Amino acid sequence: MVSESVKSLWQQQIEGFKAHLLLERAMAHNTIEAYLRDVGKLWEYVQLQQIDSSPGQLQTADLTHFILWINELGLGERSQARLLSALKTFYKYLLLEDQLDSDPTELLEGPRLARRIPDVLSYDEIQAMLSAIDLSTPHGVRNRAMLETLYACGLRVSELTNLRLSHLFLDIGFVKVIGKGDKERIVPIGEEAIKHIRLYMEGVRRVLPRIRKEAENIVFLNRRGSRLTRVMVFLVVKECATQAGIGKQVSPHTFRHSFATHLIEGGADLKAVQDMLGHESILTTEIYTHLDTDYLRETIMQYHPRNRKRIGW
């Protein structure tokens, strides 16, 4: 548990950092906001890990664990580099203010500390891939629904191929996902993905000549009425990337990382993103199971790029 005195110190020092950036560094407004968001991520991490330490009491090891944790959530390397720059600037400010004796970020390295993650697609690249799909064909309608679902929910490819009809709660905007180790989680799903799932269900899946018994409860099927393989989903994603003229190495997992990165960079709460990813942190074996579904849905509706236009962005 983080004590009230430590909470107060964090708030004071972040406010002081904001004034420092504005008045002494004369940074642009957007840069200041980005730096404050990044330092805010460290404060979120401290609370989630229940570290009862002020900024000046954190050690290099604590900050290294934070960088690793951020990487595991899916934040891209470029964004991690910017976050590291924000942390170094924050701690230089604390040194100037005599809040600490030495700078714990001096030996802190960037994304090289963590495993390499796949390329992250921009929202425009995601949109280009989705738009490249030919909706005049049954498999095109299915593929659009699949990719919309991957991006809307941040699913692993195995979670997509195993998605069940009985786990769709589209009328209230949620799906139940069976993740690694058969762990269940509830994930909000946006209206664009819901629309395309319904188009696929009514126009394609419902009129398949035959559905194999073992696939009757599976959402996405091939033309023979069987569950899709992981390889087929990989091929679909790669074909869409080629048609959209995207030169990056794109896989279904790229959609998962893009989902996480776009939410985090947009300002979404880290715990909410971790809950939606169903991610087991490298720093803890705890999985968040008691989810506030209203809060998760609010996060998706406010920060996911496919939903921003609906709230006036």
C-alpha atoms as a PDB file:
ATOM      1  CA  MET A   1       0.000   0.000   0.000  1.00  0.00           C
ATOM      2  CA  VAL A   2       1.300   3.440  -0.933  1.00  0.00           C
ATOM      3  CA  SER A   3       1.074   5.828   2.019  1.00  0.00           C
ATOM      4  CA  GLU A   4      -0.675   9.190   1.808  1.00  0.00           C
ATOM      5  CA  SER A   5       2.591  11.036   2.463  1.00  0.00           C
ATOM      6  CA  VAL A   6       4.239   9.316  -0.527  1.00  0.00           C
ATOM      7  CA  LYS A   7       1.192  10.043  -2.727  1.00  0.00           C
ATOM      8  CA  SER A   8       1.411  13.695  -1.754  1.00  0.00           C
ATOM      9  CA  LEU A   9       5.140  13.818  -2.619  1.00  0.00           C
ATOM     10  CA  TRP A  10       4.518  12.315  -6.049  1.00  0.00           C
ATOM     11  CA  GLN A  11       1.788  14.851  -6.790  1.00  0.00           C
ATOM     12  CA  GLN A  12       3.910  17.784  -5.620  1.00  0.00           C
ATOM     13  CA  GLN A  13       6.952  16.723  -7.598  1.00  0.00           C
ATOM     14  CA  ILE A  14       5.011  16.041 -10.789  1.00  0.00           C
ATOM     15  CA  GLU A  15       3.389  19.473 -10.488  1.00  0.00           C
ATOM     16  CA  GLY A  16       6.794  21.019  -9.917  1.00  0.00           C
ATOM     17  CA  PHE A  17       8.161  19.138 -12.938  1.00  0.00           C
ATOM     18  CA  LYS A  18       5.336  20.554 -15.069  1.00  0.00           C
ATOM     19  CA  ALA A  19       6.185  24.106 -13.998  1.00  0.00           C
ATOM     20  CA  HIS A  20       9.881  23.432 -14.662  1.00  0.00           C
ATOM     21  CA  LEU A  21       9.187  22.249 -18.222  1.00  0.00           C
ATOM     22  CA  LEU A  22       6.933  25.209 -18.915  1.00  0.00           C
ATOM     23  CA  LEU A  23       8.858  28.057 -17.318  1.00  0.00           C
ATOM     24  CA  GLU A  24      12.516  26.999 -17.345  1.00  0.00           C
ATOM     25  CA  ARG A  25      12.737  24.613 -20.300  1.00  0.00           C
ATOM     26  CA  ALA A  26      10.130  26.489 -22.392  1.00  0.00           C
ATOM     27  CA  MET A  27       9.042  23.253 -24.014  1.00  0.00           C
ATOM     28  CA  ALA A  28       6.149  23.020 -26.454  1.00  0.00           C
ATOM     29  CA  HIS A  29       2.754  22.187 -24.961  1.00  0.00           C
ATOM     30  CA  ASN A  30       2.542  18.799 -26.710  1.00  0.00           C
ATOM     31  CA  THR A  31       6.011  17.801 -25.489  1.00  0.00           C
ATOM     32  CA  ILE A  32       5.147  18.799 -21.930  1.00  0.00           C
ATOM     33  CA  GLU A  33       1.944  16.760 -22.049  1.00  0.00           C
ATOM     34  CA  ALA A  34       3.826  13.729 -23.428  1.00  0.00           C
ATOM     35  CA  TYR A  35       6.482  13.962 -20.692  1.00  0.00           C
ATOM     36  CA  LEU A  36       3.852  14.283 -17.967  1.00  0.00           C
ATOM     37  CA  ARG A  37       1.985  11.246 -19.334  1.00  0.00           C
ATOM     38  CA  ASP A  38       5.198   9.241 -19.311  1.00  0.00           C
ATOM     39  CA  VAL A  39       6.118  10.199 -15.747  1.00  0.00           C
ATOM     40  CA  GLY A  40       2.486   9.480 -14.866  1.00  0.00           C
ATOM     41  CA  LYS A  41       2.990   5.925 -16.133  1.00  0.00           C
ATOM     42  CA  LEU A  42       5.801   5.484 -13.601  1.00  0.00           C
ATOM     43  CA  TRP A  43       3.489   6.742 -10.855  1.00  0.00           C
ATOM     44  CA  GLU A  44       0.798   4.261 -11.982  1.00  0.00           C
ATOM     45  CA  TYR A  45       3.361   1.460 -11.869  1.00  0.00           C
ATOM     46  CA  VAL A  46       4.449   2.427  -8.341  1.00  0.00           C
ATOM     47  CA  GLN A  47       0.830   2.243  -7.193  1.00  0.00           C
ATOM     48  CA  LEU A  48       0.093  -1.042  -8.970  1.00  0.00           C
ATOM     49  CA  GLN A  49       3.214  -2.657  -7.476  1.00  0.00           C
ATOM     50  CA  GLN A  50       2.465  -1.047  -4.090  1.00  0.00           C
ATOM     51  CA  ILE A  51       5.949   0.468  -3.821  1.00  0.00           C
ATOM     52  CA  ASP A  52       5.836   2.908  -0.904  1.00  0.00           C
ATOM     53  CA  SER A  53       8.611   5.142  -2.255  1.00  0.00           C
ATOM     54  CA  SER A  54       8.792   8.736  -3.408  1.00  0.00           C
ATOM     55  CA  PRO A  55      10.410   9.447  -6.806  1.00  0.00           C
ATOM     56  CA  GLY A  56      13.716  10.214  -5.093  1.00  0.00           C
ATOM     57  CA  GLN A  57      13.695   6.889  -3.228  1.00  0.00           C
ATOM     58  CA  LEU A  58      13.389   4.733  -6.363  1.00  0.00           C
ATOM     59  CA  GLN A  59      16.574   2.945  -7.399  1.00  0.00           C
ATOM     60  CA  THR A  60      17.921   2.089 -10.863  1.00  0.00           C
ATOM     61  CA  ALA A  61      16.644  -1.483 -10.377  1.00  0.00           C
ATOM     62  CA  ASP A  62      13.095  -0.190  -9.767  1.00  0.00           C
ATOM     63  CA  LEU A  63      13.208   1.905 -12.943  1.00  0.00           C
ATOM     64  CA  THR A  64      14.663  -1.000 -14.941  1.00  0.00           C
ATOM     65  CA  HIS A  65      11.781  -3.217 -13.813  1.00  0.00           C
ATOM     66  CA  PHE A  66       9.368  -0.473 -14.854  1.00  0.00           C
ATOM     67  CA  ILE A  67      10.882  -0.294 -18.362  1.00  0.00           C
ATOM     68  CA  LEU A  68      10.668  -4.092 -18.688  1.00  0.00           C
ATOM     69  CA  TRP A  69       7.056  -4.037 -17.504  1.00  0.00           C
ATOM     70  CA  ILE A  70       6.142  -1.345 -20.033  1.00  0.00           C
ATOM     71  CA  ASN A  71       7.772  -3.394 -22.790  1.00  0.00           C
ATOM     72  CA  GLU A  72       5.822  -6.470 -21.735  1.00  0.00           C
ATOM     73  CA  LEU A  73       2.587  -4.488 -22.028  1.00  0.00           C
ATOM     74  CA  GLY A  74       3.446  -3.891 -25.679  1.00  0.00           C
ATOM     75  CA  LEU A  75       4.671  -0.303 -25.898  1.00  0.00           C
ATOM     76  CA  GLY A  76       6.830   0.124 -29.019  1.00  0.00           C
ATOM     77  CA  GLU A  77      10.566   0.741 -28.908  1.00  0.00           C
ATOM     78  CA  ARG A  78      10.300   4.340 -30.100  1.00  0.00           C
ATOM     79  CA  SER A  79       7.714   5.111 -27.436  1.00  0.00           C
ATOM     80  CA  GLN A  80       9.903   3.448 -24.807  1.00  0.00           C
ATOM     81  CA  ALA A  81      12.810   5.638 -25.891  1.00  0.00           C
ATOM     82  CA  ARG A  82      10.655   8.751 -25.450  1.00  0.00           C
ATOM     83  CA  LEU A  83       9.512   7.498 -22.047  1.00  0.00           C
ATOM     84  CA  LEU A  84      13.146   7.015 -21.008  1.00  0.00           C
ATOM     85  CA  SER A  85      13.925  10.563 -22.115  1.00  0.00           C
ATOM     86  CA  ALA A  86      11.035  11.832 -19.984  1.00  0.00           C
ATOM     87  CA  LEU A  87      12.283   9.900 -16.943  1.00  0.00           C
ATOM     88  CA  LYS A  88      15.837  11.224 -17.347  1.00  0.00           C
ATOM     89  CA  THR A  89      14.495  14.796 -17.614  1.00  0.00           C
ATOM     90  CA  PHE A  90      12.310  14.254 -14.536  1.00  0.00           C
ATOM     91  CA  TYR A  91      15.230  13.011 -12.446  1.00  0.00           C
ATOM     92  CA  LYS A  92      17.484  15.824 -13.640  1.00  0.00           C
ATOM     93  CA  TYR A  93      14.790  18.193 -12.361  1.00  0.00           C
ATOM     94  CA  LEU A  94      14.740  16.384  -8.998  1.00  0.00           C
ATOM     95  CA  LEU A  95      18.536  16.753  -8.786  1.00  0.00           C
ATOM     96  CA  LEU A  96      18.244  20.483  -9.431  1.00  0.00           C
ATOM     97  CA  GLU A  97      15.662  20.704  -6.666  1.00  0.00           C
ATOM     98  CA  ASP A  98      17.927  18.777  -4.235  1.00  0.00           C
ATOM     99  CA  GLN A  99      15.349  16.012  -3.921  1.00  0.00           C
ATOM    100  CA  LEU A 100      18.019  13.299  -4.363  1.00  0.00           C
ATOM    101  CA  ASP A 101      21.774  12.851  -4.156  1.00  0.00           C
ATOM    102  CA  SER A 102      22.373  10.819  -7.311  1.00  0.00           C
ATOM    103  CA  ASP A 103      20.521  10.195 -10.561  1.00  0.00           C
ATOM    104  CA  PRO A 104      19.105   6.618 -10.771  1.00  0.00           C
ATOM    105  CA  THR A 105      18.540   7.035 -14.520  1.00  0.00           C
ATOM    106  CA  GLU A 106      22.260   7.498 -15.313  1.00  0.00           C
ATOM    107  CA  LEU A 107      22.789   3.778 -15.903  1.00  0.00           C
ATOM    108  CA  LEU A 108      19.273   3.132 -17.168  1.00  0.00           C
ATOM    109  CA  GLU A 109      19.210   1.725 -20.674  1.00  0.00           C
ATOM    110  CA  GLY A 110      16.440   1.860 -23.198  1.00  0.00           C
ATOM    111  CA  PRO A 111      14.486  -0.844 -25.030  1.00  0.00           C
ATOM    112  CA  ARG A 112      17.634  -2.963 -25.523  1.00  0.00           C
ATOM    113  CA  LEU A 113      17.041  -4.204 -21.972  1.00  0.00           C
ATOM    114  CA  ALA A 114      13.896  -5.961 -23.093  1.00  0.00           C
ATOM    115  CA  ARG A 115      13.122  -8.521 -25.729  1.00  0.00           C
ATOM    116  CA  ARG A 116      12.482  -7.190 -29.186  1.00  0.00           C
ATOM    117  CA  ILE A 117       8.813  -6.795 -29.974  1.00  0.00           C
ATOM    118  CA  PRO A 118       7.229  -6.806 -33.422  1.00  0.00           C
ATOM    119  CA  ASP A 119       6.662  -3.641 -35.423  1.00  0.00           C
ATOM    120  CA  VAL A 120       3.681  -1.569 -34.342  1.00  0.00           C
ATOM    121  CA  LEU A 121       1.295  -0.357 -37.017  1.00  0.00           C
ATOM    122  CA  SER A 122       0.043   3.212 -37.021  1.00  0.00           C
ATOM    123  CA  TYR A 123      -3.704   3.741 -37.005  1.00  0.00           C
ATOM    124  CA  ASP A 124      -3.542   4.826 -40.650  1.00  0.00           C
ATOM    125  CA  GLU A 125      -1.763   1.569 -41.521  1.00  0.00           C
ATOM    126  CA  ILE A 126      -4.404  -0.428 -39.663  1.00  0.00           C
ATOM    127  CA  GLN A 127      -7.092   1.457 -41.566  1.00  0.00           C
ATOM    128  CA  ALA A 128      -5.303   0.843 -44.877  1.00  0.00           C
ATOM    129  CA  MET A 129      -5.206  -2.900 -44.221  1.00  0.00           C
ATOM    130  CA  LEU A 130      -8.870  -3.019 -43.283  1.00  0.00           C
ATOM    131  CA  SER A 131      -9.867  -0.964 -46.315  1.00  0.00           C
ATOM    132  CA  ALA A 132      -7.860  -3.223 -48.641  1.00  0.00           C
ATOM    133  CA  ILE A 133     -10.160  -6.180 -47.931  1.00  0.00           C
ATOM    134  CA  ASP A 134     -12.694  -6.956 -50.675  1.00  0.00           C
ATOM    135  CA  LEU A 135     -16.085  -7.082 -48.948  1.00  0.00           C
ATOM    136  CA  SER A 136     -17.820  -8.394 -52.079  1.00  0.00           C
ATOM    137  CA  THR A 137     -16.640 -11.942 -51.305  1.00  0.00           C
ATOM    138  CA  PRO A 138     -17.632 -14.188 -48.380  1.00  0.00           C
ATOM    139  CA  HIS A 139     -14.029 -14.721 -47.256  1.00  0.00           C
ATOM    140  CA  GLY A 140     -13.445 -10.955 -47.471  1.00  0.00           C
ATOM    141  CA  VAL A 141     -16.380 -10.299 -45.121  1.00  0.00           C
ATOM    142  CA  ARG A 142     -14.979 -12.917 -42.728  1.00  0.00           C
ATOM    143  CA  ASN A 143     -11.435 -11.547 -42.934  1.00  0.00           C
ATOM    144  CA  ARG A 144     -12.579  -7.983 -42.216  1.00  0.00           C
ATOM    145  CA  ALA A 145     -14.489  -9.217 -39.157  1.00  0.00           C
ATOM    146  CA  MET A 146     -11.418 -11.137 -37.966  1.00  0.00           C
ATOM    147  CA  LEU A 147      -9.011  -8.223 -38.310  1.00  0.00           C
ATOM    148  CA  GLU A 148     -11.467  -5.787 -36.746  1.00  0.00           C
ATOM    149  CA  THR A 149     -11.760  -8.184 -33.785  1.00  0.00           C
ATOM    150  CA  LEU A 150      -7.983  -8.627 -33.467  1.00  0.00           C
ATOM    151  CA  TYR A 151      -7.483  -4.877 -33.306  1.00  0.00           C
ATOM    152  CA  ALA A 152     -10.562  -4.066 -31.229  1.00  0.00           C
ATOM    153  CA  CYS A 153      -9.732  -6.569 -28.489  1.00  0.00           C
ATOM    154  CA  GLY A 154      -5.957  -7.137 -28.658  1.00  0.00           C
ATOM    155  CA  LEU A 155      -6.382 -10.899 -29.013  1.00  0.00           C
ATOM    156  CA  ARG A 156      -3.686 -13.505 -29.498  1.00  0.00           C
ATOM    157  CA  VAL A 157      -4.155 -15.505 -32.713  1.00  0.00           C
ATOM    158  CA  SER A 158      -5.110 -18.624 -30.726  1.00  0.00           C
ATOM    159  CA  GLU A 159      -7.718 -16.609 -28.832  1.00  0.00           C
ATOM    160  CA  LEU A 160      -9.212 -15.470 -32.141  1.00  0.00           C
ATOM    161  CA  THR A 161      -9.383 -18.961 -33.665  1.00  0.00           C
ATOM    162  CA  ASN A 162     -10.945 -20.319 -30.457  1.00  0.00           C
ATOM    163  CA  LEU A 163     -13.458 -17.488 -30.004  1.00  0.00           C
ATOM    164  CA  ARG A 164     -16.864 -19.022 -29.250  1.00  0.00           C
ATOM    165  CA  LEU A 165     -20.360 -17.938 -30.200  1.00  0.00           C
ATOM    166  CA  SER A 166     -21.450 -18.470 -26.602  1.00  0.00           C
ATOM    167  CA  HIS A 167     -18.781 -15.991 -25.486  1.00  0.00           C
ATOM    168  CA  LEU A 168     -20.045 -13.110 -27.633  1.00  0.00           C
ATOM    169  CA  PHE A 169     -22.097 -10.545 -25.737  1.00  0.00           C
ATOM    170  CA  LEU A 170     -22.364  -8.050 -28.561  1.00  0.00           C
ATOM    171  CA  ASP A 171     -25.549  -6.411 -27.304  1.00  0.00           C
ATOM    172  CA  ILE A 172     -23.617  -5.080 -24.303  1.00  0.00           C
ATOM    173  CA  GLY A 173     -20.266  -4.734 -26.080  1.00  0.00           C
ATOM    174  CA  PHE A 174     -18.145  -7.481 -24.488  1.00  0.00           C
ATOM    175  CA  VAL A 175     -16.547 -10.788 -25.419  1.00  0.00           C
ATOM    176  CA  LYS A 176     -15.237 -13.501 -23.114  1.00  0.00           C
ATOM    177  CA  VAL A 177     -11.767 -14.690 -24.087  1.00  0.00           C
ATOM    178  CA  ILE A 178     -10.036 -17.936 -23.149  1.00  0.00           C
ATOM    179  CA  GLY A 179      -6.346 -17.114 -22.852  1.00  0.00           C
ATOM    180  CA  LYS A 180      -3.165 -18.954 -21.923  1.00  0.00           C
ATOM    181  CA  GLY A 181      -3.654 -21.678 -19.329  1.00  0.00           C
ATOM    182  CA  ASP A 182      -7.417 -21.557 -19.974  1.00  0.00           C
ATOM    183  CA  LYS A 183      -7.629 -18.297 -18.031  1.00  0.00           C
ATOM    184  CA  GLU A 184     -10.784 -16.348 -18.836  1.00  0.00           C
ATOM    185  CA  ARG A 185     -11.051 -12.584 -19.186  1.00  0.00           C
ATOM    186  CA  ILE A 186     -13.708 -10.117 -20.285  1.00  0.00           C
ATOM    187  CA  VAL A 187     -12.750  -7.646 -23.024  1.00  0.00           C
ATOM    188  CA  PRO A 188     -14.820  -4.723 -24.353  1.00  0.00           C
ATOM    189  CA  ILE A 189     -15.359  -4.625 -28.110  1.00  0.00           C
ATOM    190  CA  GLY A 190     -16.088  -1.508 -30.154  1.00  0.00           C
ATOM    191  CA  GLU A 191     -18.992  -0.901 -32.513  1.00  0.00           C
ATOM    192  CA  GLU A 192     -16.975  -1.220 -35.749  1.00  0.00           C
ATOM    193  CA  ALA A 193     -15.895  -4.745 -34.831  1.00  0.00           C
ATOM    194  CA  ILE A 194     -19.430  -5.617 -33.680  1.00  0.00           C
ATOM    195  CA  LYS A 195     -20.847  -4.396 -36.995  1.00  0.00           C
ATOM    196  CA  HIS A 196     -18.475  -6.532 -39.047  1.00  0.00           C
ATOM    197  CA  ILE A 197     -18.942  -9.609 -36.865  1.00  0.00           C
ATOM    198  CA  ARG A 198     -22.699  -9.333 -37.381  1.00  0.00           C
ATOM    199  CA  LEU A 199     -22.272  -8.911 -41.145  1.00  0.00           C
ATOM    200  CA  TYR A 200     -20.140 -12.060 -41.187  1.00  0.00           C
ATOM    201  CA  MET A 201     -22.508 -14.016 -38.936  1.00  0.00           C
ATOM    202  CA  GLU A 202     -25.609 -13.173 -40.979  1.00  0.00           C
ATOM    203  CA  GLY A 203     -24.193 -13.024 -44.488  1.00  0.00           C
ATOM    204  CA  VAL A 204     -21.505 -15.714 -44.452  1.00  0.00           C
ATOM    205  CA  ARG A 205     -21.421 -18.057 -41.476  1.00  0.00           C
ATOM    206  CA  ARG A 206     -25.181 -18.628 -41.349  1.00  0.00           C
ATOM    207  CA  VAL A 207     -25.288 -19.759 -45.000  1.00  0.00           C
ATOM    208  CA  LEU A 208     -22.325 -22.153 -44.923  1.00  0.00           C
ATOM    209  CA  PRO A 209     -23.540 -25.440 -46.467  1.00  0.00           C
ATOM    210  CA  ARG A 210     -22.133 -27.473 -43.591  1.00  0.00           C
ATOM    211  CA  ILE A 211     -20.576 -26.783 -40.200  1.00  0.00           C
ATOM    212  CA  ARG A 212     -18.621 -29.569 -38.568  1.00  0.00           C
ATOM    213  CA  LYS A 213     -19.923 -30.639 -35.173  1.00  0.00           C
ATOM    214  CA  GLU A 214     -16.718 -29.724 -33.323  1.00  0.00           C
ATOM    215  CA  ALA A 215     -16.865 -26.191 -34.793  1.00  0.00           C
ATOM    216  CA  GLU A 216     -20.535 -25.408 -34.121  1.00  0.00           C
ATOM    217  CA  ASN A 217     -19.660 -23.014 -31.279  1.00  0.00           C
ATOM    218  CA  ILE A 218     -16.640 -21.422 -33.031  1.00  0.00           C
ATOM    219  CA  VAL A 219     -17.103 -17.943 -34.513  1.00  0.00           C
ATOM    220  CA  PHE A 220     -14.658 -17.841 -37.440  1.00  0.00           C
ATOM    221  CA  LEU A 221     -14.775 -20.795 -39.854  1.00  0.00           C
ATOM    222  CA  ASN A 222     -13.327 -21.718 -43.231  1.00  0.00           C
ATOM    223  CA  ARG A 223     -15.507 -22.486 -46.266  1.00  0.00           C
ATOM    224  CA  ARG A 224     -15.675 -26.155 -45.239  1.00  0.00           C
ATOM    225  CA  GLY A 225     -17.223 -25.277 -41.898  1.00  0.00           C
ATOM    226  CA  SER A 226     -14.103 -26.012 -39.841  1.00  0.00           C
ATOM    227  CA  ARG A 227     -12.172 -23.948 -37.333  1.00  0.00           C
ATOM    228  CA  LEU A 228      -9.487 -21.725 -38.894  1.00  0.00           C
ATOM    229  CA  THR A 229      -5.870 -22.638 -38.262  1.00  0.00           C
ATOM    230  CA  ARG A 230      -3.301 -20.214 -36.896  1.00  0.00           C
ATOM    231  CA  VAL A 231      -1.425 -20.437 -40.201  1.00  0.00           C
ATOM    232  CA  MET A 232      -4.518 -19.347 -42.136  1.00  0.00           C
ATOM    233  CA  VAL A 233      -4.905 -16.241 -39.960  1.00  0.00           C
ATOM    234  CA  PHE A 234      -1.212 -15.421 -40.469  1.00  0.00           C
ATOM    235  CA  LEU A 235      -1.651 -15.720 -44.241  1.00  0.00           C
ATOM    236  CA  VAL A 236      -4.754 -13.514 -44.200  1.00  0.00           C
ATOM    237  CA  VAL A 237      -2.930 -10.786 -42.249  1.00  0.00           C
ATOM    238  CA  LYS A 238       0.143 -10.917 -44.492  1.00  0.00           C
ATOM    239  CA  GLU A 239      -1.987 -10.739 -47.637  1.00  0.00           C
ATOM    240  CA  CYS A 240      -3.848  -7.691 -46.306  1.00  0.00           C
ATOM    241  CA  ALA A 241      -0.533  -5.993 -45.450  1.00  0.00           C
ATOM    242  CA  THR A 242       0.760  -6.653 -48.966  1.00  0.00           C
ATOM    243  CA  GLN A 243      -2.418  -5.317 -50.571  1.00  0.00           C
ATOM    244  CA  ALA A 244      -2.178  -2.180 -48.414  1.00  0.00           C
ATOM    245  CA  GLY A 245       1.453  -1.640 -49.469  1.00  0.00           C
ATOM    246  CA  ILE A 246       2.844  -1.996 -45.941  1.00  0.00           C
ATOM    247  CA  GLY A 247       6.488  -3.067 -45.884  1.00  0.00           C
ATOM    248  CA  LYS A 248       6.734  -3.891 -42.173  1.00  0.00           C
ATOM    249  CA  GLN A 249       6.854  -7.445 -40.826  1.00  0.00           C
ATOM    250  CA  VAL A 250       3.164  -7.820 -39.992  1.00  0.00           C
ATOM    251  CA  SER A 251       1.552 -10.731 -38.159  1.00  0.00           C
ATOM    252  CA  PRO A 252      -1.613 -11.181 -36.080  1.00  0.00           C
ATOM    253  CA  HIS A 253       0.503 -10.367 -33.008  1.00  0.00           C
ATOM    254  CA  THR A 254       1.313  -6.990 -34.574  1.00  0.00           C
ATOM    255  CA  PHE A 255      -2.372  -6.124 -34.148  1.00  0.00           C
ATOM    256  CA  ARG A 256      -2.157  -7.044 -30.454  1.00  0.00           C
ATOM    257  CA  HIS A 257       0.876  -4.822 -29.915  1.00  0.00           C
ATOM    258  CA  SER A 258      -0.744  -2.013 -31.913  1.00  0.00           C
ATOM    259  CA  PHE A 259      -3.884  -2.311 -29.762  1.00  0.00           C
ATOM    260  CA  ALA A 260      -1.816  -1.922 -26.569  1.00  0.00           C
ATOM    261  CA  THR A 261       0.444   0.820 -27.922  1.00  0.00           C
ATOM    262  CA  HIS A 262      -2.405   2.946 -29.275  1.00  0.00           C
ATOM    263  CA  LEU A 263      -4.289   2.737 -25.979  1.00  0.00           C
ATOM    264  CA  ILE A 264      -1.228   3.511 -23.832  1.00  0.00           C
ATOM    265  CA  GLU A 265      -0.030   6.354 -26.056  1.00  0.00           C
ATOM    266  CA  GLY A 266      -3.553   7.776 -26.016  1.00  0.00           C
ATOM    267  CA  GLY A 267      -3.428   7.963 -22.224  1.00  0.00           C
ATOM    268  CA  ALA A 268      -5.244   4.786 -21.166  1.00  0.00           C
ATOM    269  CA  ASP A 269      -4.693   3.408 -17.676  1.00  0.00           C
ATOM    270  CA  LEU A 270      -1.930   0.772 -17.635  1.00  0.00           C
ATOM    271  CA  LYS A 271      -3.827  -1.621 -15.387  1.00  0.00           C
ATOM    272  CA  ALA A 272      -6.844  -1.530 -17.710  1.00  0.00           C
ATOM    273  CA  VAL A 273      -4.626  -2.362 -20.701  1.00  0.00           C
ATOM    274  CA  GLN A 274      -2.967  -5.190 -18.791  1.00  0.00           C
ATOM    275  CA  ASP A 275      -6.380  -6.567 -17.827  1.00  0.00           C
ATOM    276  CA  MET A 276      -7.580  -6.484 -21.419  1.00  0.00           C
ATOM    277  CA  LEU A 277      -4.436  -8.169 -22.721  1.00  0.00           C
ATOM    278  CA  GLY A 278      -4.776 -10.930 -20.146  1.00  0.00           C
ATOM    279  CA  HIS A 279      -1.068 -10.475 -19.583  1.00  0.00           C
ATOM    280  CA  GLU A 280       0.891 -12.178 -16.835  1.00  0.00           C
ATOM    281  CA  SER A 281       3.642  -9.712 -15.964  1.00  0.00           C
ATOM    282  CA  ILE A 282       7.244 -10.898 -15.852  1.00  0.00           C
ATOM    283  CA  LEU A 283       7.430  -9.165 -12.470  1.00  0.00           C
ATOM    284  CA  THR A 284       4.487 -10.868 -10.791  1.00  0.00           C
ATOM    285  CA  THR A 285       2.398 -14.016 -11.148  1.00  0.00           C
ATOM    286  CA  GLU A 286      -0.800 -12.174 -10.290  1.00  0.00           C
ATOM    287  CA  ILE A 287      -3.499 -12.028 -12.932  1.00  0.00           C
ATOM    288  CA  TYR A 288      -6.185  -9.404 -12.441  1.00  0.00           C
ATOM    289  CA  THR A 289      -9.422 -11.369 -12.258  1.00  0.00           C
ATOM    290  CA  HIS A 290     -11.838  -8.987 -10.549  1.00  0.00           C
ATOM    291  CA  LEU A 291     -12.469  -6.691 -13.476  1.00  0.00           C
ATOM    292  CA  ASP A 292     -14.523  -3.519 -13.418  1.00  0.00           C
ATOM    293  CA  THR A 293     -16.142  -4.046 -16.831  1.00  0.00           C
ATOM    294  CA  ASP A 294     -17.701  -0.586 -16.924  1.00  0.00           C
ATOM    295  CA  TYR A 295     -14.250   0.919 -16.419  1.00  0.00           C
ATOM    296  CA  LEU A 296     -12.687  -1.269 -19.126  1.00  0.00           C
ATOM    297  CA  ARG A 297     -15.442  -0.366 -21.565  1.00  0.00           C
ATOM    298  CA  GLU A 298     -14.956   3.338 -20.782  1.00  0.00           C
ATOM    299  CA  THR A 299     -11.220   2.895 -21.498  1.00  0.00           C
ATOM    300  CA  ILE A 300     -11.899   1.290 -24.894  1.00  0.00           C
ATOM    301  CA  MET A 301     -14.496   3.893 -25.861  1.00  0.00           C
ATOM    302  CA  GLN A 302     -12.285   6.825 -24.832  1.00  0.00           C
ATOM    303  CA  TYR A 303      -8.819   5.750 -25.978  1.00  0.00           C
ATOM    304  CA  HIS A 304      -9.153   3.196 -28.817  1.00  0.00           C
ATOM    305  CA  PRO A 305      -8.659   4.944 -32.201  1.00  0.00           C
ATOM    306  CA  ARG A 306     -11.611   3.116 -33.810  1.00  0.00           C
ATOM    307  CA  ASN A 307     -13.950   4.785 -31.312  1.00  0.00           C
ATOM    308  CA  ARG A 308     -12.539   8.319 -31.041  1.00  0.00           C
ATOM    309  CA  LYS A 309     -14.654   9.796 -33.792  1.00  0.00           C
ATOM    310  CA  ARG A 310     -17.764   8.861 -31.836  1.00  0.00           C
ATOM    311  CA  ILE A 311     -16.867  11.114 -28.893  1.00  0.00           C
ATOM    312  CA  GLY A 312     -15.819  14.185 -30.796  1.00  0.00           C
ATOM    313  CA  TRP A 313     -12.090  13.617 -31.331  1.00  0.00           C
END
